Amino acid sequence: MTIINLTRNIVLSAQAELADSFWTRMRGLLGREALPQGQALVITRCNSIHMFFMKFPIDAAFLDASGRVVGDVRNIRPFQLSPVFWGAERVIELPAGTLDRTATSRGDIIEIK
């Protein structure tokens, strides 16, 4: 999948994976050594994340049903928790620094295709 910030006309990820089953959502990025630039994980039915047992920091953009960013967490480190974003229906987990590099922020519209 490709993830595009339509508001800023920039690609967030050209190689995104989808975690939409019980097991893939539970596993998330656990067990990976890193999340390379250009890759991402989209987790459905998610309004907060945890970083327990992770090995690297990430950025996370929380989207509502229309694809609008309703929350973001930058450089969340292993063993931290994100806030709960009550309007979020899914989250995009990205390499740390991606949200700053692309100037992605609350209110932006994201397309996942």
PDB file of N, CA and C in Angstrom:
ATOM      1  N   MET A   1       0.835  -1.172   0.000  1.00  0.00           N
ATOM      2  CA  MET A   1       0.000   0.000   0.000  1.00  0.00           C
ATOM      3  C   MET A   1       0.885   1.242   0.000  1.00  0.00           C
ATOM      4  N   THR A   2       0.314   2.307  -0.491  1.00  0.00           N
ATOM      5  CA  THR A   2       0.968   3.608  -0.477  1.00  0.00           C
ATOM      6  C   THR A   2       0.166   4.546   0.420  1.00  0.00           C
ATOM      7  N   ILE A   3       0.867   5.365   1.189  1.00  0.00           N
ATOM      8  CA  ILE A   3       0.220   6.319   2.081  1.00  0.00           C
ATOM      9  C   ILE A   3       0.663   7.713   1.670  1.00  0.00           C
ATOM     10  N   ILE A   4      -0.332   8.565   1.364  1.00  0.00           N
ATOM     11  CA  ILE A   4      -0.052   9.911   0.877  1.00  0.00           C
ATOM     12  C   ILE A   4      -0.730  10.936   1.778  1.00  0.00           C
ATOM     13  N   ASN A   5       0.019  11.956   2.158  1.00  0.00           N
ATOM     14  CA  ASN A   5      -0.565  13.099   2.851  1.00  0.00           C
ATOM     15  C   ASN A   5      -1.094  14.020   1.762  1.00  0.00           C
ATOM     16  N   LEU A   6      -2.415  14.006   1.545  1.00  0.00           N
ATOM     17  CA  LEU A   6      -3.027  14.811   0.486  1.00  0.00           C
ATOM     18  C   LEU A   6      -2.926  16.303   0.779  1.00  0.00           C
ATOM     19  N   THR A   7      -2.973  16.678   2.028  1.00  0.00           N
ATOM     20  CA  THR A   7      -2.887  18.085   2.404  1.00  0.00           C
ATOM     21  C   THR A   7      -1.550  18.686   1.986  1.00  0.00           C
ATOM     22  N   ARG A   8      -0.481  17.922   2.153  1.00  0.00           N
ATOM     23  CA  ARG A   8       0.862  18.429   1.865  1.00  0.00           C
ATOM     24  C   ARG A   8       1.436  17.883   0.559  1.00  0.00           C
ATOM     25  N   ASN A   9       0.653  16.992  -0.100  1.00  0.00           N
ATOM     26  CA  ASN A   9       1.064  16.395  -1.367  1.00  0.00           C
ATOM     27  C   ASN A   9       2.434  15.723  -1.261  1.00  0.00           C
ATOM     28  N   ILE A  10       2.550  14.819  -0.274  1.00  0.00           N
ATOM     29  CA  ILE A  10       3.811  14.113  -0.058  1.00  0.00           C
ATOM     30  C   ILE A  10       3.530  12.661   0.338  1.00  0.00           C
ATOM     31  N   VAL A  11       4.374  11.757  -0.124  1.00  0.00           N
ATOM     32  CA  VAL A  11       4.240  10.336   0.205  1.00  0.00           C
ATOM     33  C   VAL A  11       4.845  10.087   1.582  1.00  0.00           C
ATOM     34  N   LEU A  12       4.059   9.475   2.463  1.00  0.00           N
ATOM     35  CA  LEU A  12       4.554   9.082   3.777  1.00  0.00           C
ATOM     36  C   LEU A  12       5.191   7.706   3.730  1.00  0.00           C
ATOM     37  N   SER A  13       4.629   6.825   2.898  1.00  0.00           N
ATOM     38  CA  SER A  13       5.156   5.467   2.774  1.00  0.00           C
ATOM     39  C   SER A  13       4.772   4.890   1.420  1.00  0.00           C
ATOM     40  N   ALA A  14       5.747   4.295   0.755  1.00  0.00           N
ATOM     41  CA  ALA A  14       5.488   3.613  -0.508  1.00  0.00           C
ATOM     42  C   ALA A  14       5.344   2.113  -0.293  1.00  0.00           C
ATOM     43  N   GLN A  15       5.643   1.637   0.916  1.00  0.00           N
ATOM     44  CA  GLN A  15       5.590   0.211   1.227  1.00  0.00           C
ATOM     45  C   GLN A  15       4.937   0.001   2.587  1.00  0.00           C
ATOM     46  N   ALA A  16       3.637   0.176   2.645  1.00  0.00           N
ATOM     47  CA  ALA A  16       2.921   0.012   3.910  1.00  0.00           C
ATOM     48  C   ALA A  16       2.271  -1.353   3.978  1.00  0.00           C
ATOM     49  N   GLU A  17       2.240  -1.894   5.181  1.00  0.00           N
ATOM     50  CA  GLU A  17       1.566  -3.160   5.455  1.00  0.00           C
ATOM     51  C   GLU A  17       0.299  -2.873   6.250  1.00  0.00           C
ATOM     52  N   LEU A  18      -0.657  -3.783   6.171  1.00  0.00           N
ATOM     53  CA  LEU A  18      -1.916  -3.653   6.889  1.00  0.00           C
ATOM     54  C   LEU A  18      -1.997  -4.696   7.998  1.00  0.00           C
ATOM     55  N   ALA A  19      -2.324  -4.260   9.194  1.00  0.00           N
ATOM     56  CA  ALA A  19      -2.578  -5.157  10.324  1.00  0.00           C
ATOM     57  C   ALA A  19      -4.056  -5.015  10.671  1.00  0.00           C
ATOM     58  N   ASP A  20      -4.859  -5.973  10.187  1.00  0.00           N
ATOM     59  CA  ASP A  20      -6.301  -5.869  10.378  1.00  0.00           C
ATOM     60  C   ASP A  20      -6.933  -7.111  10.994  1.00  0.00           C
ATOM     61  N   SER A  21      -6.140  -8.110  11.301  1.00  0.00           N
ATOM     62  CA  SER A  21      -6.670  -9.290  11.986  1.00  0.00           C
ATOM     63  C   SER A  21      -6.254  -9.238  13.454  1.00  0.00           C
ATOM     64  N   PHE A  22      -6.868 -10.075  14.256  1.00  0.00           N
ATOM     65  CA  PHE A  22      -6.532 -10.105  15.678  1.00  0.00           C
ATOM     66  C   PHE A  22      -5.036 -10.292  15.869  1.00  0.00           C
ATOM     67  N   TRP A  23      -4.442 -11.254  15.188  1.00  0.00           N
ATOM     68  CA  TRP A  23      -3.026 -11.581  15.382  1.00  0.00           C
ATOM     69  C   TRP A  23      -2.090 -10.516  14.826  1.00  0.00           C
ATOM     70  N   THR A  24      -2.380  -9.990  13.634  1.00  0.00           N
ATOM     71  CA  THR A  24      -1.478  -8.985  13.059  1.00  0.00           C
ATOM     72  C   THR A  24      -1.556  -7.673  13.842  1.00  0.00           C
ATOM     73  N   ARG A  25      -2.735  -7.337  14.350  1.00  0.00           N
ATOM     74  CA  ARG A  25      -2.871  -6.138  15.169  1.00  0.00           C
ATOM     75  C   ARG A  25      -2.149  -6.308  16.498  1.00  0.00           C
ATOM     76  N   MET A  26      -2.233  -7.492  17.084  1.00  0.00           N
ATOM     77  CA  MET A  26      -1.568  -7.749  18.358  1.00  0.00           C
ATOM     78  C   MET A  26      -0.040  -7.729  18.193  1.00  0.00           C
ATOM     79  N   ARG A  27       0.447  -8.300  17.111  1.00  0.00           N
ATOM     80  CA  ARG A  27       1.892  -8.377  16.874  1.00  0.00           C
ATOM     81  C   ARG A  27       2.471  -7.026  16.494  1.00  0.00           C
ATOM     82  N   GLY A  28       1.769  -6.274  15.635  1.00  0.00           N
ATOM     83  CA  GLY A  28       2.270  -4.972  15.216  1.00  0.00           C
ATOM     84  C   GLY A  28       3.690  -5.060  14.685  1.00  0.00           C
ATOM     85  N   LEU A  29       4.573  -4.255  15.231  1.00  0.00           N
ATOM     86  CA  LEU A  29       5.979  -4.237  14.807  1.00  0.00           C
ATOM     87  C   LEU A  29       6.886  -5.038  15.737  1.00  0.00           C
ATOM     88  N   LEU A  30       6.291  -5.740  16.705  1.00  0.00           N
ATOM     89  CA  LEU A  30       7.100  -6.530  17.645  1.00  0.00           C
ATOM     90  C   LEU A  30       7.957  -7.548  16.910  1.00  0.00           C
ATOM     91  N   GLY A  31       9.179  -7.708  17.370  1.00  0.00           N
ATOM     92  CA  GLY A  31      10.092  -8.691  16.782  1.00  0.00           C
ATOM     93  C   GLY A  31      10.953  -8.136  15.666  1.00  0.00           C
ATOM     94  N   ARG A  32      10.668  -6.933  15.219  1.00  0.00           N
ATOM     95  CA  ARG A  32      11.484  -6.324  14.170  1.00  0.00           C
ATOM     96  C   ARG A  32      12.639  -5.558  14.801  1.00  0.00           C
ATOM     97  N   GLU A  33      13.713  -5.486  14.063  1.00  0.00           N
ATOM     98  CA  GLU A  33      14.890  -4.746  14.523  1.00  0.00           C
ATOM     99  C   GLU A  33      14.793  -3.266  14.197  1.00  0.00           C
ATOM    100  N   ALA A  34      14.024  -2.926  13.156  1.00  0.00           N
ATOM    101  CA  ALA A  34      13.899  -1.534  12.718  1.00  0.00           C
ATOM    102  C   ALA A  34      12.710  -1.418  11.771  1.00  0.00           C
ATOM    103  N   LEU A  35      12.316  -0.193  11.493  1.00  0.00           N
ATOM    104  CA  LEU A  35      11.324   0.109  10.472  1.00  0.00           C
ATOM    105  C   LEU A  35      12.020   1.033   9.479  1.00  0.00           C
ATOM    106  N   PRO A  36      12.431   0.496   8.329  1.00  0.00           N
ATOM    107  CA  PRO A  36      13.195   1.297   7.370  1.00  0.00           C
ATOM    108  C   PRO A  36      12.399   2.476   6.807  1.00  0.00           C
ATOM    109  N   GLN A  37      13.114   3.514   6.408  1.00  0.00           N
ATOM    110  CA  GLN A  37      12.482   4.659   5.761  1.00  0.00           C
ATOM    111  C   GLN A  37      11.651   4.178   4.581  1.00  0.00           C
ATOM    112  N   GLY A  38      10.489   4.783   4.399  1.00  0.00           N
ATOM    113  CA  GLY A  38       9.612   4.422   3.291  1.00  0.00           C
ATOM    114  C   GLY A  38       8.622   3.321   3.614  1.00  0.00           C
ATOM    115  N   GLN A  39       8.785   2.672   4.773  1.00  0.00           N
ATOM    116  CA  GLN A  39       7.860   1.617   5.174  1.00  0.00           C
ATOM    117  C   GLN A  39       6.942   2.117   6.281  1.00  0.00           C
ATOM    118  N   ALA A  40       5.833   1.415   6.476  1.00  0.00           N
ATOM    119  CA  ALA A  40       4.869   1.783   7.513  1.00  0.00           C
ATOM    120  C   ALA A  40       3.986   0.584   7.828  1.00  0.00           C
ATOM    121  N   LEU A  41       3.286   0.676   8.947  1.00  0.00           N
ATOM    122  CA  LEU A  41       2.299  -0.320   9.330  1.00  0.00           C
ATOM    123  C   LEU A  41       1.013   0.423   9.673  1.00  0.00           C
ATOM    124  N   VAL A  42      -0.095   0.012   9.052  1.00  0.00           N
ATOM    125  CA  VAL A  42      -1.410   0.579   9.334  1.00  0.00           C
ATOM    126  C   VAL A  42      -2.158  -0.434  10.200  1.00  0.00           C
ATOM    127  N   ILE A  43      -2.555  -0.011  11.399  1.00  0.00           N
ATOM    128  CA  ILE A  43      -3.285  -0.881  12.320  1.00  0.00           C
ATOM    129  C   ILE A  43      -4.723  -0.380  12.403  1.00  0.00           C
ATOM    130  N   THR A  44      -5.660  -1.246  12.069  1.00  0.00           N
ATOM    131  CA  THR A  44      -7.077  -0.883  12.105  1.00  0.00           C
ATOM    132  C   THR A  44      -7.626  -0.995  13.522  1.00  0.00           C
ATOM    133  N   ARG A  45      -8.785  -0.355  13.735  1.00  0.00           N
ATOM    134  CA  ARG A  45      -9.482  -0.396  15.025  1.00  0.00           C
ATOM    135  C   ARG A  45      -8.520  -0.084  16.179  1.00  0.00           C
ATOM    136  N   CYS A  46      -7.864   1.076  16.079  1.00  0.00           N
ATOM    137  CA  CYS A  46      -6.815   1.413  17.045  1.00  0.00           C
ATOM    138  C   CYS A  46      -6.838   2.906  17.344  1.00  0.00           C
ATOM    139  N   ASN A  47      -6.906   3.248  18.637  1.00  0.00           N
ATOM    140  CA  ASN A  47      -6.866   4.659  19.009  1.00  0.00           C
ATOM    141  C   ASN A  47      -5.753   4.989  20.004  1.00  0.00           C
ATOM    142  N   SER A  48      -4.896   4.005  20.296  1.00  0.00           N
ATOM    143  CA  SER A  48      -3.699   4.224  21.108  1.00  0.00           C
ATOM    144  C   SER A  48      -2.742   3.056  20.855  1.00  0.00           C
ATOM    145  N   ILE A  49      -1.475   3.272  21.177  1.00  0.00           N
ATOM    146  CA  ILE A  49      -0.492   2.201  21.003  1.00  0.00           C
ATOM    147  C   ILE A  49       0.394   2.118  22.238  1.00  0.00           C
ATOM    148  N   HIS A  50       1.042   0.972  22.362  1.00  0.00           N
ATOM    149  CA  HIS A  50       2.072   0.803  23.388  1.00  0.00           C
ATOM    150  C   HIS A  50       3.363   0.393  22.692  1.00  0.00           C
ATOM    151  N   MET A  51       4.458   0.632  23.367  1.00  0.00           N
ATOM    152  CA  MET A  51       5.774   0.316  22.807  1.00  0.00           C
ATOM    153  C   MET A  51       6.494  -0.726  23.654  1.00  0.00           C
ATOM    154  N   PHE A  52       5.726  -1.530  24.403  1.00  0.00           N
ATOM    155  CA  PHE A  52       6.333  -2.557  25.237  1.00  0.00           C
ATOM    156  C   PHE A  52       7.107  -3.549  24.375  1.00  0.00           C
ATOM    157  N   PHE A  53       8.331  -3.806  24.746  1.00  0.00           N
ATOM    158  CA  PHE A  53       9.223  -4.784  24.108  1.00  0.00           C
ATOM    159  C   PHE A  53       9.656  -4.396  22.696  1.00  0.00           C
ATOM    160  N   MET A  54       9.424  -3.145  22.307  1.00  0.00           N
ATOM    161  CA  MET A  54       9.912  -2.669  21.010  1.00  0.00           C
ATOM    162  C   MET A  54      11.407  -2.366  21.126  1.00  0.00           C
ATOM    163  N   LYS A  55      12.081  -2.343  19.970  1.00  0.00           N
ATOM    164  CA  LYS A  55      13.523  -2.134  19.950  1.00  0.00           C
ATOM    165  C   LYS A  55      13.917  -0.785  19.352  1.00  0.00           C
ATOM    166  N   PHE A  56      12.949   0.001  18.904  1.00  0.00           N
ATOM    167  CA  PHE A  56      13.267   1.254  18.224  1.00  0.00           C
ATOM    168  C   PHE A  56      12.095   2.225  18.354  1.00  0.00           C
ATOM    169  N   PRO A  57      12.364   3.526  18.272  1.00  0.00           N
ATOM    170  CA  PRO A  57      11.281   4.511  18.334  1.00  0.00           C
ATOM    171  C   PRO A  57      10.567   4.623  16.986  1.00  0.00           C
ATOM    172  N   ILE A  58       9.338   5.142  17.024  1.00  0.00           N
ATOM    173  CA  ILE A  58       8.554   5.348  15.807  1.00  0.00           C
ATOM    174  C   ILE A  58       7.760   6.650  15.932  1.00  0.00           C
ATOM    175  N   ASP A  59       7.195   7.082  14.812  1.00  0.00           N
ATOM    176  CA  ASP A  59       6.169   8.118  14.787  1.00  0.00           C
ATOM    177  C   ASP A  59       4.835   7.414  14.566  1.00  0.00           C
ATOM    178  N   ALA A  60       3.756   8.015  15.058  1.00  0.00           N
ATOM    179  CA  ALA A  60       2.427   7.443  14.860  1.00  0.00           C
ATOM    180  C   ALA A  60       1.439   8.554  14.536  1.00  0.00           C
ATOM    181  N   ALA A  61       0.664   8.338  13.473  1.00  0.00           N
ATOM    182  CA  ALA A  61      -0.399   9.272  13.089  1.00  0.00           C
ATOM    183  C   ALA A  61      -1.727   8.542  13.238  1.00  0.00           C
ATOM    184  N   PHE A  62      -2.621   9.094  14.042  1.00  0.00           N
ATOM    185  CA  PHE A  62      -3.923   8.495  14.314  1.00  0.00           C
ATOM    186  C   PHE A  62      -4.960   9.158  13.421  1.00  0.00           C
ATOM    187  N   LEU A  63      -5.735   8.340  12.697  1.00  0.00           N
ATOM    188  CA  LEU A  63      -6.691   8.844  11.714  1.00  0.00           C
ATOM    189  C   LEU A  63      -8.126   8.526  12.111  1.00  0.00           C
ATOM    190  N   ASP A  64      -9.038   9.445  11.769  1.00  0.00           N
ATOM    191  CA  ASP A  64     -10.454   9.159  11.952  1.00  0.00           C
ATOM    192  C   ASP A  64     -10.976   8.434  10.706  1.00  0.00           C
ATOM    193  N   ALA A  65     -12.275   8.198  10.650  1.00  0.00           N
ATOM    194  CA  ALA A  65     -12.865   7.428   9.550  1.00  0.00           C
ATOM    195  C   ALA A  65     -12.682   8.103   8.193  1.00  0.00           C
ATOM    196  N   SER A  66     -12.539   9.416   8.173  1.00  0.00           N
ATOM    197  CA  SER A  66     -12.386  10.135   6.905  1.00  0.00           C
ATOM    198  C   SER A  66     -10.931  10.281   6.479  1.00  0.00           C
ATOM    199  N   GLY A  67      -9.996   9.794   7.299  1.00  0.00           N
ATOM    200  CA  GLY A  67      -8.580   9.895   6.965  1.00  0.00           C
ATOM    201  C   GLY A  67      -7.904  11.142   7.497  1.00  0.00           C
ATOM    202  N   ARG A  68      -8.610  11.894   8.327  1.00  0.00           N
ATOM    203  CA  ARG A  68      -8.037  13.114   8.923  1.00  0.00           C
ATOM    204  C   ARG A  68      -7.174  12.730  10.133  1.00  0.00           C
ATOM    205  N   VAL A  69      -5.998  13.340  10.250  1.00  0.00           N
ATOM    206  CA  VAL A  69      -5.132  13.113  11.404  1.00  0.00           C
ATOM    207  C   VAL A  69      -5.771  13.785  12.620  1.00  0.00           C
ATOM    208  N   VAL A  70      -6.128  12.959  13.612  1.00  0.00           N
ATOM    209  CA  VAL A  70      -6.744  13.482  14.831  1.00  0.00           C
ATOM    210  C   VAL A  70      -5.773  13.447  16.010  1.00  0.00           C
ATOM    211  N   GLY A  71      -4.626  12.849  15.801  1.00  0.00           N
ATOM    212  CA  GLY A  71      -3.596  12.797  16.837  1.00  0.00           C
ATOM    213  C   GLY A  71      -2.293  12.306  16.253  1.00  0.00           C
ATOM    214  N   ASP A  72      -1.206  12.736  16.860  1.00  0.00           N
ATOM    215  CA  ASP A  72       0.097  12.247  16.415  1.00  0.00           C
ATOM    216  C   ASP A  72       1.037  12.160  17.603  1.00  0.00           C
ATOM    217  N   VAL A  73       1.946  11.213  17.499  1.00  0.00           N
ATOM    218  CA  VAL A  73       2.986  11.031  18.507  1.00  0.00           C
ATOM    219  C   VAL A  73       4.298  10.909  17.747  1.00  0.00           C
ATOM    220  N   ARG A  74       5.230  11.754  18.108  1.00  0.00           N
ATOM    221  CA  ARG A  74       6.518  11.791  17.414  1.00  0.00           C
ATOM    222  C   ARG A  74       7.592  11.163  18.292  1.00  0.00           C
ATOM    223  N   ASN A  75       8.370  10.290  17.666  1.00  0.00           N
ATOM    224  CA  ASN A  75       9.521   9.682  18.335  1.00  0.00           C
ATOM    225  C   ASN A  75       9.142   8.993  19.649  1.00  0.00           C
ATOM    226  N   ILE A  76       8.066   8.211  19.623  1.00  0.00           N
ATOM    227  CA  ILE A  76       7.679   7.457  20.818  1.00  0.00           C
ATOM    228  C   ILE A  76       8.672   6.316  20.986  1.00  0.00           C
ATOM    229  N   ARG A  77       9.208   6.202  22.165  1.00  0.00           N
ATOM    230  CA  ARG A  77      10.321   5.281  22.436  1.00  0.00           C
ATOM    231  C   ARG A  77       9.828   3.964  23.044  1.00  0.00           C
ATOM    232  N   PRO A  78      10.685   2.947  22.989  1.00  0.00           N
ATOM    233  CA  PRO A  78      10.330   1.656  23.597  1.00  0.00           C
ATOM    234  C   PRO A  78       9.869   1.825  25.050  1.00  0.00           C
ATOM    235  N   PHE A  79       8.869   1.044  25.399  1.00  0.00           N
ATOM    236  CA  PHE A  79       8.276   0.961  26.730  1.00  0.00           C
ATOM    237  C   PHE A  79       7.473   2.204  27.120  1.00  0.00           C
ATOM    238  N   GLN A  80       7.066   3.005  26.137  1.00  0.00           N
ATOM    239  CA  GLN A  80       6.177   4.132  26.401  1.00  0.00           C
ATOM    240  C   GLN A  80       4.777   3.810  25.891  1.00  0.00           C
ATOM    241  N   LEU A  81       3.797   4.591  26.356  1.00  0.00           N
ATOM    242  CA  LEU A  81       2.407   4.496  25.898  1.00  0.00           C
ATOM    243  C   LEU A  81       2.036   5.797  25.205  1.00  0.00           C
ATOM    244  N   SER A  82       1.211   5.688  24.171  1.00  0.00           N
ATOM    245  CA  SER A  82       0.686   6.901  23.542  1.00  0.00           C
ATOM    246  C   SER A  82      -0.557   7.340  24.299  1.00  0.00           C
ATOM    247  N   PRO A  83      -0.950   8.590  24.116  1.00  0.00           N
ATOM    248  CA  PRO A  83      -2.274   8.992  24.619  1.00  0.00           C
ATOM    249  C   PRO A  83      -3.358   8.235  23.841  1.00  0.00           C
ATOM    250  N   VAL A  84      -4.561   8.247  24.369  1.00  0.00           N
ATOM    251  CA  VAL A  84      -5.716   7.712  23.653  1.00  0.00           C
ATOM    252  C   VAL A  84      -6.308   8.864  22.838  1.00  0.00           C
ATOM    253  N   PHE A  85      -6.520   8.622  21.551  1.00  0.00           N
ATOM    254  CA  PHE A  85      -7.136   9.610  20.666  1.00  0.00           C
ATOM    255  C   PHE A  85      -8.537   9.091  20.339  1.00  0.00           C
ATOM    256  N   TRP A  86      -9.533   9.607  21.054  1.00  0.00           N
ATOM    257  CA  TRP A  86     -10.881   9.054  21.038  1.00  0.00           C
ATOM    258  C   TRP A  86     -11.527   9.045  19.665  1.00  0.00           C
ATOM    259  N   GLY A  87     -11.182   9.936  18.773  1.00  0.00           N
ATOM    260  CA  GLY A  87     -11.788   9.952  17.447  1.00  0.00           C
ATOM    261  C   GLY A  87     -11.082   9.073  16.431  1.00  0.00           C
ATOM    262  N   ALA A  88      -9.985   8.450  16.837  1.00  0.00           N
ATOM    263  CA  ALA A  88      -9.186   7.661  15.893  1.00  0.00           C
ATOM    264  C   ALA A  88      -9.801   6.290  15.640  1.00  0.00           C
ATOM    265  N   GLU A  89      -9.700   5.851  14.387  1.00  0.00           N
ATOM    266  CA  GLU A  89     -10.138   4.505  14.006  1.00  0.00           C
ATOM    267  C   GLU A  89      -8.983   3.626  13.554  1.00  0.00           C
ATOM    268  N   ARG A  90      -7.847   4.262  13.235  1.00  0.00           N
ATOM    269  CA  ARG A  90      -6.665   3.499  12.837  1.00  0.00           C
ATOM    270  C   ARG A  90      -5.432   4.352  13.083  1.00  0.00           C
ATOM    271  N   VAL A  91      -4.289   3.693  13.082  1.00  0.00           N
ATOM    272  CA  VAL A  91      -3.018   4.383  13.289  1.00  0.00           C
ATOM    273  C   VAL A  91      -2.039   3.957  12.205  1.00  0.00           C
ATOM    274  N   ILE A  92      -1.212   4.895  11.798  1.00  0.00           N
ATOM    275  CA  ILE A  92      -0.111   4.592  10.879  1.00  0.00           C
ATOM    276  C   ILE A  92       1.172   4.708  11.686  1.00  0.00           C
ATOM    277  N   GLU A  93       1.918   3.610  11.771  1.00  0.00           N
ATOM    278  CA  GLU A  93       3.205   3.612  12.446  1.00  0.00           C
ATOM    279  C   GLU A  93       4.291   3.800  11.391  1.00  0.00           C
ATOM    280  N   LEU A  94       5.148   4.779  11.618  1.00  0.00           N
ATOM    281  CA  LEU A  94       6.150   5.202  10.641  1.00  0.00           C
ATOM    282  C   LEU A  94       7.527   5.292  11.300  1.00  0.00           C
ATOM    283  N   PRO A  95       8.592   5.269  10.501  1.00  0.00           N
ATOM    284  CA  PRO A  95       9.923   5.473  11.083  1.00  0.00           C
ATOM    285  C   PRO A  95       9.990   6.813  11.819  1.00  0.00           C
ATOM    286  N   ALA A  96      10.689   6.840  12.941  1.00  0.00           N
ATOM    287  CA  ALA A  96      10.834   8.079  13.702  1.00  0.00           C
ATOM    288  C   ALA A  96      11.394   9.176  12.804  1.00  0.00           C
ATOM    289  N   GLY A  97      10.819  10.352  12.921  1.00  0.00           N
ATOM    290  CA  GLY A  97      11.251  11.492  12.119  1.00  0.00           C
ATOM    291  C   GLY A  97      10.417  11.745  10.884  1.00  0.00           C
ATOM    292  N   THR A  98       9.581  10.788  10.501  1.00  0.00           N
ATOM    293  CA  THR A  98       8.781  10.922   9.280  1.00  0.00           C
ATOM    294  C   THR A  98       7.776  12.062   9.379  1.00  0.00           C
ATOM    295  N   LEU A  99       7.099  12.189  10.513  1.00  0.00           N
ATOM    296  CA  LEU A  99       6.092  13.241  10.643  1.00  0.00           C
ATOM    297  C   LEU A  99       6.733  14.629  10.568  1.00  0.00           C
ATOM    298  N   ASP A 100       7.886  14.814  11.189  1.00  0.00           N
ATOM    299  CA  ASP A 100       8.583  16.099  11.095  1.00  0.00           C
ATOM    300  C   ASP A 100       9.083  16.349   9.675  1.00  0.00           C
ATOM    301  N   ARG A 101       9.689  15.335   9.055  1.00  0.00           N
ATOM    302  CA  ARG A 101      10.248  15.486   7.713  1.00  0.00           C
ATOM    303  C   ARG A 101       9.183  15.862   6.689  1.00  0.00           C
ATOM    304  N   THR A 102       7.958  15.349   6.861  1.00  0.00           N
ATOM    305  CA  THR A 102       6.875  15.604   5.912  1.00  0.00           C
ATOM    306  C   THR A 102       5.931  16.710   6.383  1.00  0.00           C
ATOM    307  N   ALA A 103       6.203  17.275   7.545  1.00  0.00           N
ATOM    308  CA  ALA A 103       5.361  18.321   8.148  1.00  0.00           C
ATOM    309  C   ALA A 103       3.924  17.855   8.359  1.00  0.00           C
ATOM    310  N   THR A 104       3.735  16.558   8.550  1.00  0.00           N
ATOM    311  CA  THR A 104       2.401  16.007   8.786  1.00  0.00           C
ATOM    312  C   THR A 104       1.937  16.387  10.186  1.00  0.00           C
ATOM    313  N   SER A 105       0.702  16.871  10.290  1.00  0.00           N
ATOM    314  CA  SER A 105       0.186  17.302  11.586  1.00  0.00           C
ATOM    315  C   SER A 105      -1.326  17.114  11.654  1.00  0.00           C
ATOM    316  N   ARG A 106      -1.879  17.382  12.823  1.00  0.00           N
ATOM    317  CA  ARG A 106      -3.320  17.251  13.042  1.00  0.00           C
ATOM    318  C   ARG A 106      -4.077  18.073  12.020  1.00  0.00           C
ATOM    319  N   GLY A 107      -5.150  17.477  11.516  1.00  0.00           N
ATOM    320  CA  GLY A 107      -5.978  18.146  10.516  1.00  0.00           C
ATOM    321  C   GLY A 107      -5.646  17.745   9.091  1.00  0.00           C
ATOM    322  N   ASP A 108      -4.437  17.228   8.841  1.00  0.00           N
ATOM    323  CA  ASP A 108      -4.069  16.792   7.488  1.00  0.00           C
ATOM    324  C   ASP A 108      -4.939  15.611   7.075  1.00  0.00           C
ATOM    325  N   ILE A 109      -5.167  15.486   5.775  1.00  0.00           N
ATOM    326  CA  ILE A 109      -5.932  14.376   5.211  1.00  0.00           C
ATOM    327  C   ILE A 109      -4.959  13.371   4.609  1.00  0.00           C
ATOM    328  N   ILE A 110      -5.099  12.120   5.010  1.00  0.00           N
ATOM    329  CA  ILE A 110      -4.212  11.037   4.585  1.00  0.00           C
ATOM    330  C   ILE A 110      -4.998  10.051   3.739  1.00  0.00           C
ATOM    331  N   GLU A 111      -4.402   9.635   2.606  1.00  0.00           N
ATOM    332  CA  GLU A 111      -5.007   8.618   1.754  1.00  0.00           C
ATOM    333  C   GLU A 111      -4.143   7.358   1.829  1.00  0.00           C
ATOM    334  N   ILE A 112      -4.823   6.238   2.026  1.00  0.00           N
ATOM    335  CA  ILE A 112      -4.156   4.932   2.030  1.00  0.00           C
ATOM    336  C   ILE A 112      -4.706   4.151   0.860  1.00  0.00           C
ATOM    337  N   LYS A 113      -3.831   3.798  -0.076  1.00  0.00           N
ATOM    338  CA  LYS A 113      -4.300   3.044  -1.248  1.00  0.00           C
ATOM    339  C   LYS A 113      -3.351   1.947  -1.634  1.00  0.00           C
TER     340      LYS A 113
END
